């Protein structure tokens, strides 16, 4: 596809991890979506960074990694459990 200024444009697949050629792209996308929902729920509840470790039974280092989107070491199952905790803590 060409844009008006003759720049080539490649349509993405809908999964940036596939487009980047990274391993396990579907798992990476699922983890990113879960982490995003967790962060949205934390913000919606107005939790401070000091409240999150206790509320989610995570270490401060784990919370820091989660908030920064560094999800290595978090499984889809664990993130799903964290989301359940945050959403039920209303």
Protein backbone atom coordinates (compact mmCIF):
# COMPACT_ATOMS: atom_id res chain seq x y z
CA UNK A 1 0.00 0.00 0.00
CA UNK A 2 1.25 3.53 -0.77
CA UNK A 3 0.30 6.73 0.93
CA UNK A 4 -0.10 9.97 -0.98
CA UNK A 5 3.51 10.91 -0.21
CA UNK A 6 4.75 7.58 -1.72
CA UNK A 7 5.70 6.17 1.68
CA UNK A 8 5.28 2.41 1.93
CA UNK A 9 2.83 1.43 4.65
CA UNK A 10 2.54 -2.11 5.93
CA UNK A 11 -0.66 -3.04 7.69
CA UNK A 12 -0.06 -4.69 11.04
CA UNK A 13 -1.40 -8.07 12.02
CA UNK A 14 -3.23 -6.75 15.07
CA UNK A 15 -0.60 -8.25 17.35
CA UNK A 16 2.53 -6.14 17.67
CA UNK A 17 4.43 -9.12 19.07
CA UNK A 18 3.78 -11.06 15.84
CA UNK A 19 4.82 -8.03 13.80
CA UNK A 20 8.08 -7.79 15.76
CA UNK A 21 8.77 -11.50 15.29
CA UNK A 22 8.95 -12.19 19.01
CA UNK A 23 8.45 -15.69 20.42
CA UNK A 24 5.08 -16.63 21.96
CA UNK A 25 3.27 -13.59 20.53
CA UNK A 26 -0.22 -14.72 21.58
CA UNK A 27 0.87 -15.22 25.19
CA UNK A 28 2.66 -11.88 25.21
CA UNK A 29 -0.45 -10.13 23.91
CA UNK A 30 -2.67 -11.83 26.49
CA UNK A 31 -0.30 -10.83 29.30
CA UNK A 32 -0.13 -7.22 28.05
CA UNK A 33 -3.93 -6.98 27.90
CA UNK A 34 -4.31 -8.45 31.39
CA UNK A 35 -1.66 -6.12 32.82
CA UNK A 36 -3.40 -3.14 31.23
CA UNK A 37 -6.72 -4.13 32.81
CA UNK A 38 -5.01 -4.61 36.19
CA UNK A 39 -3.44 -1.15 36.00
CA UNK A 40 -6.76 0.41 34.97
CA UNK A 41 -8.50 -1.26 37.94
CA UNK A 42 -5.77 -0.14 40.35
CA UNK A 43 -6.15 3.44 39.14
CA UNK A 44 -9.96 3.24 39.31
CA UNK A 45 -9.73 2.22 42.96
CA UNK A 46 -7.30 5.01 43.72
CA UNK A 47 -4.75 2.67 45.26
CA UNK A 48 -1.36 4.15 45.97
CA UNK A 49 1.83 2.30 45.07
CA UNK A 50 2.17 1.58 48.79
CA UNK A 51 -1.23 -0.16 48.92
CA UNK A 52 -0.78 -2.38 45.88
CA UNK A 53 1.79 -4.87 47.26
CA UNK A 54 -0.33 -5.75 50.26
CA UNK A 55 -3.61 -5.81 48.34
CA UNK A 56 -2.20 -8.16 45.69
CA UNK A 57 0.20 -10.12 47.93
CA UNK A 58 3.14 -9.07 45.77
CA UNK A 59 6.59 -7.83 46.67
CA UNK A 60 7.44 -4.21 45.95
CA UNK A 61 9.77 -5.41 43.19
CA UNK A 62 6.97 -7.41 41.57
CA UNK A 63 4.62 -4.43 41.71
CA UNK A 64 7.32 -2.24 40.18
CA UNK A 65 7.78 -4.72 37.31
CA UNK A 66 4.02 -5.03 36.80
CA UNK A 67 3.48 -1.28 36.75
CA UNK A 68 6.34 -0.88 34.26
CA UNK A 69 4.93 -3.60 31.98
CA UNK A 70 7.89 -5.92 32.51
CA UNK A 71 5.85 -9.11 32.61
CA UNK A 72 8.54 -11.79 32.44
CA UNK A 73 7.93 -14.06 35.41
CA UNK A 74 4.18 -13.39 35.43
CA UNK A 75 2.10 -16.16 33.88
CA UNK A 76 -1.25 -15.56 32.22
CA UNK A 77 -2.83 -17.50 35.08
CA UNK A 78 -1.16 -15.35 37.72
CA UNK A 79 -2.16 -12.14 35.99
CA UNK A 80 -5.72 -13.43 35.68
CA UNK A 81 -5.74 -14.10 39.43
CA UNK A 82 -4.41 -10.60 40.17
CA UNK A 83 -7.09 -9.09 37.95
CA UNK A 84 -9.74 -11.05 39.84
CA UNK A 85 -8.42 -9.73 43.15
CA UNK A 86 -8.36 -6.12 41.97
CA UNK A 87 -11.81 -6.27 40.40
CA UNK A 88 -13.37 -7.90 43.45
CA UNK A 89 -11.84 -5.34 45.81
CA UNK A 90 -14.40 -2.71 45.07
